[in-house]
Amino acid sequence: VNLSFERLPTFLKKPVKSMSKQNLEFEDLTEIFAAASDGSGIRGRSVTDLYWDEAAFTNNDNEFWESNYPVIASGKTSRIIVTSTPNGAKGVFYNLYKGGLEDIDESGVGKNKFKVLEVPYTRVPKYNNEEFRLDTIARVSQDTFEEEFASDTGESNLTLKCDVTNEIF
């Protein structure tokens, strides 16, 4: 986050109050911070946007979800973005993904109010070739390639977005 902020053009930068390895606080008292993905990672904090990366690989993912979702749900304009490569048909990420595909409304939002965005590995130019696929399978196995790059449905990175006010963006 700090590196991204430092590379912003001057006209986009807000005045910084403090900057550390895990926290970027601005003079208007907004902040960007990193927290552990354990049960109490954000408990007690005021959070508007939660980004949970590699959710399918989070230890005790159900504990994390159950203790942190209420923090987001209590906000009037809070949003959640959850990304991950697949890790089998199990866990919170898998359930959110499946719920986002059920009963999709006209805006593309599923039954659980999440919108699923799928990014096939073939959309990444350096991976979109047969040589990459065959070389990777030779190094890691067909099963690993299917799970980490192709999944059973061709996705390698799945993003779930939810605005808990039901105003999907």
N, C-alpha and C. Protein backbone atom coordinates (compact mmCIF):
# COMPACT_ATOMS: atom_id res chain seq x y z
N VAL A 1 0.84 -1.20 0.00
CA VAL A 1 0.00 0.00 0.00
C VAL A 1 0.88 1.25 0.00
N ASN A 2 1.90 1.25 0.83
CA ASN A 2 2.77 2.42 0.90
C ASN A 2 3.45 2.69 -0.44
N LEU A 3 3.94 1.64 -1.09
CA LEU A 3 4.60 1.81 -2.37
C LEU A 3 3.62 2.35 -3.41
N SER A 4 2.42 1.83 -3.42
CA SER A 4 1.39 2.33 -4.36
C SER A 4 1.10 3.80 -4.09
N PHE A 5 0.96 4.15 -2.82
CA PHE A 5 0.70 5.54 -2.46
C PHE A 5 1.85 6.45 -2.91
N GLU A 6 3.08 6.01 -2.66
CA GLU A 6 4.24 6.82 -3.04
C GLU A 6 4.32 7.05 -4.54
N ARG A 7 3.79 6.13 -5.33
CA ARG A 7 3.86 6.25 -6.78
C ARG A 7 2.68 7.02 -7.38
N LEU A 8 1.74 7.42 -6.56
CA LEU A 8 0.62 8.22 -7.05
C LEU A 8 1.09 9.60 -7.50
N PRO A 9 0.43 10.17 -8.50
CA PRO A 9 0.74 11.56 -8.85
C PRO A 9 0.38 12.47 -7.67
N THR A 10 1.08 13.53 -7.52
CA THR A 10 0.90 14.44 -6.39
C THR A 10 -0.54 14.87 -6.20
N PHE A 11 -1.25 15.15 -7.29
CA PHE A 11 -2.62 15.66 -7.16
C PHE A 11 -3.59 14.62 -6.58
N LEU A 12 -3.20 13.34 -6.56
CA LEU A 12 -4.05 12.30 -5.98
C LEU A 12 -3.72 11.98 -4.52
N LYS A 13 -2.60 12.45 -4.06
CA LYS A 13 -2.17 12.12 -2.70
C LYS A 13 -2.87 12.98 -1.66
N LYS A 14 -3.34 12.31 -0.61
CA LYS A 14 -3.88 13.02 0.54
C LYS A 14 -2.74 13.25 1.52
N PRO A 15 -2.82 14.28 2.35
CA PRO A 15 -1.77 14.49 3.36
C PRO A 15 -1.70 13.32 4.35
N VAL A 16 -0.50 12.84 4.58
CA VAL A 16 -0.28 11.68 5.44
C VAL A 16 0.05 12.12 6.86
N LYS A 17 -0.61 11.50 7.82
CA LYS A 17 -0.33 11.75 9.23
C LYS A 17 0.79 10.82 9.71
N SER A 18 0.69 9.53 9.34
CA SER A 18 1.73 8.58 9.70
C SER A 18 1.74 7.41 8.73
N MET A 19 2.93 6.80 8.61
CA MET A 19 3.09 5.69 7.70
C MET A 19 3.99 4.66 8.36
N SER A 20 3.55 3.41 8.38
CA SER A 20 4.37 2.32 8.90
C SER A 20 4.23 1.12 7.98
N LYS A 21 4.82 0.02 8.36
CA LYS A 21 4.78 -1.18 7.53
C LYS A 21 3.35 -1.70 7.34
N GLN A 22 2.52 -1.55 8.36
CA GLN A 22 1.16 -2.10 8.30
C GLN A 22 0.06 -1.06 8.33
N ASN A 23 0.42 0.22 8.30
CA ASN A 23 -0.61 1.23 8.48
C ASN A 23 -0.24 2.51 7.73
N LEU A 24 -1.24 3.07 7.06
CA LEU A 24 -1.08 4.36 6.39
C LEU A 24 -2.25 5.22 6.86
N GLU A 25 -1.97 6.22 7.68
CA GLU A 25 -3.02 7.07 8.23
C GLU A 25 -2.90 8.47 7.63
N PHE A 26 -4.06 8.99 7.22
CA PHE A 26 -4.10 10.31 6.60
C PHE A 26 -4.55 11.36 7.60
N GLU A 27 -4.28 12.61 7.30
CA GLU A 27 -4.63 13.70 8.22
C GLU A 27 -6.13 13.81 8.46
N ASP A 28 -6.95 13.34 7.51
CA ASP A 28 -8.41 13.38 7.72
C ASP A 28 -8.89 12.20 8.57
N LEU A 29 -7.94 11.44 9.15
CA LEU A 29 -8.16 10.31 10.06
C LEU A 29 -8.62 9.04 9.37
N THR A 30 -8.68 9.01 8.04
CA THR A 30 -8.91 7.74 7.36
C THR A 30 -7.60 6.99 7.34
N GLU A 31 -7.69 5.66 7.22
CA GLU A 31 -6.47 4.88 7.20
C GLU A 31 -6.64 3.61 6.39
N ILE A 32 -5.52 3.12 5.94
CA ILE A 32 -5.42 1.82 5.29
C ILE A 32 -4.50 1.00 6.18
N PHE A 33 -4.95 -0.20 6.53
CA PHE A 33 -4.12 -1.02 7.41
C PHE A 33 -4.21 -2.48 7.03
N ALA A 34 -3.20 -3.23 7.41
CA ALA A 34 -3.16 -4.67 7.23
C ALA A 34 -3.38 -5.31 8.59
N ALA A 35 -4.16 -6.37 8.62
CA ALA A 35 -4.43 -7.07 9.88
C ALA A 35 -4.32 -8.57 9.64
N ALA A 36 -4.02 -9.28 10.68
CA ALA A 36 -3.93 -10.73 10.60
C ALA A 36 -5.30 -11.32 10.30
N SER A 37 -5.29 -12.42 9.57
CA SER A 37 -6.57 -13.06 9.23
C SER A 37 -6.94 -14.09 10.30
N ASP A 38 -6.97 -13.62 11.53
CA ASP A 38 -7.44 -14.49 12.61
C ASP A 38 -8.78 -13.97 13.10
N GLY A 39 -9.31 -14.59 14.09
CA GLY A 39 -10.65 -14.25 14.55
C GLY A 39 -10.83 -12.82 15.00
N SER A 40 -9.76 -12.17 15.44
CA SER A 40 -9.92 -10.81 15.96
C SER A 40 -9.20 -9.77 15.10
N GLY A 41 -8.93 -10.10 13.85
CA GLY A 41 -8.16 -9.24 12.96
C GLY A 41 -8.61 -7.80 12.90
N ILE A 42 -9.92 -7.55 12.80
CA ILE A 42 -10.41 -6.18 12.70
C ILE A 42 -11.45 -5.84 13.77
N ARG A 43 -11.68 -6.77 14.66
CA ARG A 43 -12.67 -6.56 15.72
C ARG A 43 -12.38 -5.26 16.47
N GLY A 44 -13.42 -4.45 16.65
CA GLY A 44 -13.29 -3.21 17.39
C GLY A 44 -12.85 -2.02 16.56
N ARG A 45 -12.61 -2.24 15.27
CA ARG A 45 -12.18 -1.15 14.40
C ARG A 45 -13.35 -0.68 13.56
N SER A 46 -13.26 0.51 13.07
CA SER A 46 -14.25 1.05 12.14
C SER A 46 -13.73 0.79 10.73
N VAL A 47 -14.42 -0.10 10.01
CA VAL A 47 -13.94 -0.51 8.69
C VAL A 47 -15.02 -0.24 7.65
N THR A 48 -14.64 0.46 6.59
CA THR A 48 -15.57 0.75 5.50
C THR A 48 -15.40 -0.27 4.38
N ASP A 49 -14.16 -0.59 4.04
CA ASP A 49 -13.87 -1.54 2.97
C ASP A 49 -12.94 -2.62 3.50
N LEU A 50 -13.34 -3.87 3.32
CA LEU A 50 -12.52 -5.00 3.72
C LEU A 50 -12.09 -5.75 2.47
N TYR A 51 -10.79 -5.94 2.33
CA TYR A 51 -10.26 -6.75 1.23
C TYR A 51 -9.61 -7.97 1.85
N TRP A 52 -10.13 -9.15 1.51
CA TRP A 52 -9.63 -10.42 2.05
C TRP A 52 -9.02 -11.20 0.90
N ASP A 53 -7.70 -11.28 0.86
CA ASP A 53 -6.99 -11.93 -0.24
C ASP A 53 -6.69 -13.39 0.11
N GLU A 54 -6.69 -14.23 -0.92
CA GLU A 54 -6.44 -15.67 -0.80
C GLU A 54 -7.28 -16.29 0.33
N ALA A 55 -8.55 -15.95 0.32
CA ALA A 55 -9.48 -16.39 1.35
C ALA A 55 -9.59 -17.90 1.44
N ALA A 56 -9.49 -18.60 0.32
CA ALA A 56 -9.63 -20.06 0.34
C ALA A 56 -8.49 -20.73 1.08
N PHE A 57 -7.41 -20.00 1.33
CA PHE A 57 -6.25 -20.57 2.01
C PHE A 57 -6.08 -20.03 3.44
N THR A 58 -7.07 -19.32 3.95
CA THR A 58 -6.99 -18.77 5.30
C THR A 58 -7.29 -19.86 6.32
N ASN A 59 -6.37 -20.06 7.25
CA ASN A 59 -6.63 -21.00 8.34
C ASN A 59 -7.79 -20.49 9.18
N ASN A 60 -8.63 -21.36 9.61
CA ASN A 60 -9.80 -20.99 10.43
C ASN A 60 -10.64 -19.91 9.73
N ASP A 61 -10.87 -20.11 8.44
CA ASP A 61 -11.60 -19.12 7.65
C ASP A 61 -13.00 -18.85 8.18
N ASN A 62 -13.65 -19.86 8.72
CA ASN A 62 -15.00 -19.65 9.26
C ASN A 62 -14.96 -18.75 10.49
N GLU A 63 -13.97 -18.94 11.35
CA GLU A 63 -13.81 -18.08 12.53
C GLU A 63 -13.54 -16.63 12.10
N PHE A 64 -12.67 -16.46 11.10
CA PHE A 64 -12.38 -15.12 10.59
C PHE A 64 -13.66 -14.47 10.06
N TRP A 65 -14.40 -15.19 9.25
CA TRP A 65 -15.62 -14.65 8.64
C TRP A 65 -16.65 -14.29 9.70
N GLU A 66 -16.90 -15.21 10.63
CA GLU A 66 -17.94 -14.98 11.64
C GLU A 66 -17.60 -13.83 12.58
N SER A 67 -16.34 -13.61 12.86
CA SER A 67 -15.99 -12.53 13.79
C SER A 67 -15.80 -11.20 13.09
N ASN A 68 -15.49 -11.19 11.81
CA ASN A 68 -15.22 -9.94 11.11
C ASN A 68 -16.36 -9.45 10.24
N TYR A 69 -17.23 -10.34 9.78
CA TYR A 69 -18.35 -9.89 8.96
C TYR A 69 -19.24 -8.89 9.71
N PRO A 70 -19.54 -9.08 10.99
CA PRO A 70 -20.36 -8.09 11.69
C PRO A 70 -19.77 -6.69 11.69
N VAL A 71 -18.44 -6.56 11.66
CA VAL A 71 -17.81 -5.24 11.62
C VAL A 71 -18.20 -4.54 10.32
N ILE A 72 -18.20 -5.27 9.23
CA ILE A 72 -18.57 -4.70 7.94
C ILE A 72 -20.08 -4.50 7.85
N ALA A 73 -20.83 -5.48 8.31
CA ALA A 73 -22.30 -5.42 8.19
C ALA A 73 -22.89 -4.26 8.96
N SER A 74 -22.20 -3.77 9.97
CA SER A 74 -22.74 -2.67 10.77
C SER A 74 -22.59 -1.31 10.08
N GLY A 75 -21.78 -1.22 9.04
CA GLY A 75 -21.58 0.04 8.34
C GLY A 75 -22.65 0.28 7.29
N LYS A 76 -23.03 1.54 7.10
CA LYS A 76 -24.07 1.86 6.13
C LYS A 76 -23.59 1.80 4.69
N THR A 77 -22.31 2.00 4.47
CA THR A 77 -21.78 1.97 3.10
C THR A 77 -20.59 1.03 2.98
N SER A 78 -20.51 0.04 3.83
CA SER A 78 -19.37 -0.88 3.83
C SER A 78 -19.38 -1.82 2.64
N ARG A 79 -18.17 -2.21 2.24
CA ARG A 79 -18.01 -3.14 1.13
C ARG A 79 -17.00 -4.22 1.50
N ILE A 80 -17.16 -5.37 0.88
CA ILE A 80 -16.25 -6.49 1.07
C ILE A 80 -15.79 -6.97 -0.30
N ILE A 81 -14.49 -7.15 -0.44
CA ILE A 81 -13.94 -7.76 -1.65
C ILE A 81 -13.14 -8.96 -1.19
N VAL A 82 -13.45 -10.11 -1.74
CA VAL A 82 -12.80 -11.36 -1.36
C VAL A 82 -12.20 -11.96 -2.63
N THR A 83 -10.90 -12.23 -2.61
CA THR A 83 -10.26 -12.84 -3.77
C THR A 83 -9.52 -14.10 -3.35
N SER A 84 -9.39 -15.02 -4.30
CA SER A 84 -8.62 -16.22 -4.02
C SER A 84 -8.47 -17.06 -5.27
N THR A 85 -7.44 -17.87 -5.28
CA THR A 85 -7.41 -18.97 -6.21
C THR A 85 -8.19 -20.09 -5.54
N PRO A 86 -8.80 -20.99 -6.30
CA PRO A 86 -9.60 -22.05 -5.69
C PRO A 86 -8.76 -22.98 -4.83
N ASN A 87 -9.40 -23.57 -3.84
CA ASN A 87 -8.73 -24.53 -2.96
C ASN A 87 -9.71 -25.65 -2.63
N GLY A 88 -10.34 -26.17 -3.63
CA GLY A 88 -11.29 -27.26 -3.43
C GLY A 88 -12.68 -26.77 -3.08
N ALA A 89 -13.60 -27.72 -3.02
CA ALA A 89 -15.02 -27.42 -2.75
C ALA A 89 -15.27 -27.43 -1.25
N LYS A 90 -14.69 -26.43 -0.57
CA LYS A 90 -14.83 -26.37 0.89
C LYS A 90 -14.54 -24.95 1.36
N GLY A 91 -15.01 -24.63 2.53
CA GLY A 91 -14.67 -23.38 3.17
C GLY A 91 -15.55 -22.20 2.83
N VAL A 92 -15.28 -21.09 3.50
CA VAL A 92 -16.06 -19.87 3.35
C VAL A 92 -15.98 -19.34 1.92
N PHE A 93 -14.79 -19.28 1.35
CA PHE A 93 -14.66 -18.74 0.00
C PHE A 93 -15.51 -19.54 -0.99
N TYR A 94 -15.42 -20.84 -0.92
CA TYR A 94 -16.19 -21.69 -1.82
C TYR A 94 -17.69 -21.43 -1.65
N ASN A 95 -18.15 -21.34 -0.40
CA ASN A 95 -19.57 -21.09 -0.14
C ASN A 95 -20.02 -19.72 -0.64
N LEU A 96 -19.18 -18.70 -0.45
CA LEU A 96 -19.51 -17.37 -0.97
C LEU A 96 -19.55 -17.39 -2.49
N TYR A 97 -18.60 -18.08 -3.09
CA TYR A 97 -18.55 -18.19 -4.55
C TYR A 97 -19.82 -18.87 -5.07
N LYS A 98 -20.16 -20.01 -4.51
CA LYS A 98 -21.36 -20.74 -4.95
C LYS A 98 -22.62 -19.90 -4.74
N GLY A 99 -22.74 -19.23 -3.60
CA GLY A 99 -23.90 -18.38 -3.33
C GLY A 99 -23.99 -17.20 -4.28
N GLY A 100 -22.84 -16.72 -4.74
CA GLY A 100 -22.81 -15.62 -5.70
C GLY A 100 -23.25 -16.04 -7.09
N LEU A 101 -23.29 -17.36 -7.33
CA LEU A 101 -23.72 -17.88 -8.63
C LEU A 101 -25.18 -18.31 -8.63
N GLU A 102 -25.81 -18.34 -7.46
CA GLU A 102 -27.20 -18.79 -7.34
C GLU A 102 -28.17 -17.62 -7.47
N ASP A 103 -29.24 -17.84 -8.17
CA ASP A 103 -30.33 -16.85 -8.30
C ASP A 103 -29.80 -15.45 -8.63
N ILE A 104 -28.99 -15.35 -9.67
CA ILE A 104 -28.38 -14.07 -10.07
C ILE A 104 -29.46 -13.13 -10.60
N ASP A 105 -29.45 -11.89 -10.09
CA ASP A 105 -30.44 -10.90 -10.54
C ASP A 105 -29.91 -10.15 -11.77
N GLU A 106 -30.67 -9.17 -12.23
CA GLU A 106 -30.33 -8.44 -13.45
C GLU A 106 -29.03 -7.66 -13.36
N SER A 107 -28.56 -7.36 -12.15
CA SER A 107 -27.29 -6.64 -12.00
C SER A 107 -26.11 -7.59 -11.84
N GLY A 108 -26.36 -8.90 -11.90
CA GLY A 108 -25.28 -9.87 -11.80
C GLY A 108 -24.96 -10.30 -10.38
N VAL A 109 -25.84 -9.98 -9.44
CA VAL A 109 -25.60 -10.29 -8.04
C VAL A 109 -26.34 -11.57 -7.67
N GLY A 110 -25.64 -12.44 -6.95
CA GLY A 110 -26.22 -13.72 -6.56
C GLY A 110 -27.06 -13.64 -5.30
N LYS A 111 -27.58 -14.80 -4.92
CA LYS A 111 -28.47 -14.93 -3.77
C LYS A 111 -27.87 -14.33 -2.49
N ASN A 112 -26.58 -14.48 -2.30
CA ASN A 112 -25.94 -14.00 -1.08
C ASN A 112 -25.45 -12.55 -1.19
N LYS A 113 -25.86 -11.85 -2.24
CA LYS A 113 -25.52 -10.44 -2.50
C LYS A 113 -24.08 -10.22 -2.94
N PHE A 114 -23.37 -11.31 -3.26
CA PHE A 114 -22.03 -11.18 -3.82
C PHE A 114 -22.10 -11.27 -5.33
N LYS A 115 -21.23 -10.52 -5.98
CA LYS A 115 -21.09 -10.57 -7.42
C LYS A 115 -19.78 -11.28 -7.72
N VAL A 116 -19.84 -12.31 -8.52
CA VAL A 116 -18.66 -13.12 -8.83
C VAL A 116 -18.02 -12.60 -10.11
N LEU A 117 -16.73 -12.35 -10.05
CA LEU A 117 -15.94 -11.97 -11.22
C LEU A 117 -14.87 -13.04 -11.39
N GLU A 118 -14.83 -13.67 -12.54
CA GLU A 118 -13.87 -14.73 -12.77
C GLU A 118 -12.81 -14.25 -13.76
N VAL A 119 -11.55 -14.54 -13.45
CA VAL A 119 -10.45 -14.17 -14.33
C VAL A 119 -9.72 -15.45 -14.72
N PRO A 120 -9.99 -15.97 -15.92
CA PRO A 120 -9.29 -17.18 -16.36
C PRO A 120 -7.80 -16.91 -16.53
N TYR A 121 -6.99 -17.91 -16.25
CA TYR A 121 -5.54 -17.73 -16.39
C TYR A 121 -5.16 -17.33 -17.81
N THR A 122 -5.98 -17.68 -18.77
CA THR A 122 -5.69 -17.36 -20.17
C THR A 122 -5.82 -15.86 -20.48
N ARG A 123 -6.39 -15.08 -19.56
CA ARG A 123 -6.47 -13.63 -19.77
C ARG A 123 -5.17 -12.92 -19.40
N VAL A 124 -4.26 -13.64 -18.77
CA VAL A 124 -2.95 -13.09 -18.46
C VAL A 124 -2.05 -13.43 -19.65
N PRO A 125 -1.61 -12.43 -20.40
CA PRO A 125 -0.89 -12.70 -21.66
C PRO A 125 0.24 -13.72 -21.55
N LYS A 126 1.05 -13.65 -20.52
CA LYS A 126 2.19 -14.58 -20.45
C LYS A 126 1.76 -16.02 -20.18
N TYR A 127 0.52 -16.22 -19.70
CA TYR A 127 0.02 -17.58 -19.45
C TYR A 127 -0.85 -18.09 -20.58
N ASN A 128 -1.23 -17.26 -21.50
CA ASN A 128 -2.19 -17.64 -22.52
C ASN A 128 -1.52 -18.32 -23.71
N ASN A 129 -0.87 -19.45 -23.44
CA ASN A 129 -0.27 -20.21 -24.52
C ASN A 129 -0.11 -21.67 -24.10
N GLU A 130 -0.06 -22.52 -25.08
CA GLU A 130 0.04 -23.97 -24.84
C GLU A 130 1.38 -24.34 -24.20
N GLU A 131 2.43 -23.63 -24.55
CA GLU A 131 3.75 -23.93 -23.98
C GLU A 131 3.73 -23.74 -22.46
N PHE A 132 3.14 -22.64 -21.99
CA PHE A 132 3.05 -22.41 -20.55
C PHE A 132 2.27 -23.54 -19.89
N ARG A 133 1.14 -23.90 -20.47
CA ARG A 133 0.30 -24.95 -19.87
C ARG A 133 1.07 -26.26 -19.77
N LEU A 134 1.69 -26.68 -20.85
CA LEU A 134 2.41 -27.96 -20.84
C LEU A 134 3.63 -27.93 -19.92
N ASP A 135 4.40 -26.83 -19.93
CA ASP A 135 5.56 -26.70 -19.03
C ASP A 135 5.12 -26.76 -17.57
N THR A 136 4.03 -26.08 -17.25
CA THR A 136 3.56 -26.05 -15.86
C THR A 136 3.08 -27.43 -15.42
N ILE A 137 2.34 -28.10 -16.26
CA ILE A 137 1.87 -29.45 -15.93
C ILE A 137 3.06 -30.39 -15.72
N ALA A 138 4.10 -30.26 -16.55
CA ALA A 138 5.29 -31.10 -16.41
C ALA A 138 6.01 -30.85 -15.09
N ARG A 139 5.89 -29.63 -14.56
CA ARG A 139 6.59 -29.29 -13.31
C ARG A 139 5.78 -29.57 -12.06
N VAL A 140 4.45 -29.45 -12.15
CA VAL A 140 3.65 -29.57 -10.92
C VAL A 140 2.60 -30.66 -10.94
N SER A 141 2.21 -31.19 -12.04
CA SER A 141 1.20 -32.23 -12.25
C SER A 141 -0.08 -31.62 -12.81
N GLN A 142 -0.82 -32.46 -13.48
CA GLN A 142 -2.10 -32.05 -14.07
C GLN A 142 -3.07 -31.59 -12.99
N ASP A 143 -3.15 -32.34 -11.88
CA ASP A 143 -4.09 -31.98 -10.80
C ASP A 143 -3.77 -30.61 -10.22
N THR A 144 -2.49 -30.34 -9.96
CA THR A 144 -2.10 -29.04 -9.39
C THR A 144 -2.39 -27.92 -10.39
N PHE A 145 -2.11 -28.15 -11.67
CA PHE A 145 -2.40 -27.14 -12.68
C PHE A 145 -3.89 -26.84 -12.71
N GLU A 146 -4.72 -27.89 -12.68
CA GLU A 146 -6.17 -27.70 -12.72
C GLU A 146 -6.65 -26.89 -11.53
N GLU A 147 -6.10 -27.13 -10.34
CA GLU A 147 -6.56 -26.41 -9.15
C GLU A 147 -6.00 -25.00 -9.10
N GLU A 148 -4.72 -24.82 -9.37
CA GLU A 148 -4.08 -23.52 -9.20
C GLU A 148 -4.27 -22.57 -10.38
N PHE A 149 -4.39 -23.10 -11.58
CA PHE A 149 -4.50 -22.24 -12.75
C PHE A 149 -5.84 -22.35 -13.46
N ALA A 150 -6.30 -23.57 -13.68
CA ALA A 150 -7.49 -23.74 -14.51
C ALA A 150 -8.75 -24.04 -13.71
N SER A 151 -8.61 -24.63 -12.54
CA SER A 151 -9.77 -25.06 -11.79
C SER A 151 -10.60 -25.95 -12.70
N ASP A 152 -11.68 -26.46 -12.23
CA ASP A 152 -12.50 -27.31 -13.09
C ASP A 152 -13.31 -26.49 -14.08
N THR A 153 -13.47 -25.20 -13.82
CA THR A 153 -14.32 -24.38 -14.69
C THR A 153 -13.52 -23.33 -15.44
N GLY A 154 -12.18 -23.38 -15.39
CA GLY A 154 -11.37 -22.45 -16.16
C GLY A 154 -11.00 -21.18 -15.43
N GLU A 155 -11.30 -21.06 -14.15
CA GLU A 155 -10.93 -19.84 -13.43
C GLU A 155 -9.60 -20.06 -12.72
N SER A 156 -8.80 -19.03 -12.62
CA SER A 156 -7.62 -19.14 -11.78
C SER A 156 -7.65 -18.12 -10.66
N ASN A 157 -8.38 -17.07 -10.82
CA ASN A 157 -8.51 -16.08 -9.75
C ASN A 157 -9.96 -15.63 -9.72
N LEU A 158 -10.57 -15.77 -8.58
CA LEU A 158 -11.97 -15.42 -8.43
C LEU A 158 -12.08 -14.24 -7.50
N THR A 159 -12.87 -13.28 -7.85
CA THR A 159 -13.09 -12.11 -7.02
C THR A 159 -14.56 -12.02 -6.68
N LEU A 160 -14.86 -11.85 -5.41
CA LEU A 160 -16.23 -11.67 -4.97
C LEU A 160 -16.34 -10.27 -4.42
N LYS A 161 -17.34 -9.53 -4.85
CA LYS A 161 -17.55 -8.18 -4.35
C LYS A 161 -18.94 -8.09 -3.76
N CYS A 162 -19.04 -7.45 -2.62
CA CYS A 162 -20.34 -7.27 -2.01
C CYS A 162 -20.37 -5.92 -1.31
N ASP A 163 -21.41 -5.17 -1.56
CA ASP A 163 -21.67 -3.93 -0.84
C ASP A 163 -22.82 -4.26 0.09
N VAL A 164 -22.58 -4.24 1.38
CA VAL A 164 -23.60 -4.71 2.31
C VAL A 164 -24.82 -3.81 2.38
N THR A 165 -24.79 -2.67 1.71
CA THR A 165 -25.99 -1.84 1.63
C THR A 165 -26.87 -2.29 0.47
N ASN A 166 -26.44 -3.36 -0.21
CA ASN A 166 -27.13 -3.91 -1.38
C ASN A 166 -27.04 -2.99 -2.60
N GLU A 167 -26.19 -2.00 -2.57
CA GLU A 167 -25.93 -1.18 -3.75
C GLU A 167 -24.64 -1.69 -4.35
N ILE A 168 -24.76 -2.67 -5.20
CA ILE A 168 -23.59 -3.33 -5.77
C ILE A 168 -22.86 -2.38 -6.72
N PHE A 169 -21.56 -2.40 -6.65
CA PHE A 169 -20.75 -1.51 -7.49
C PHE A 169 -20.06 -2.30 -8.56
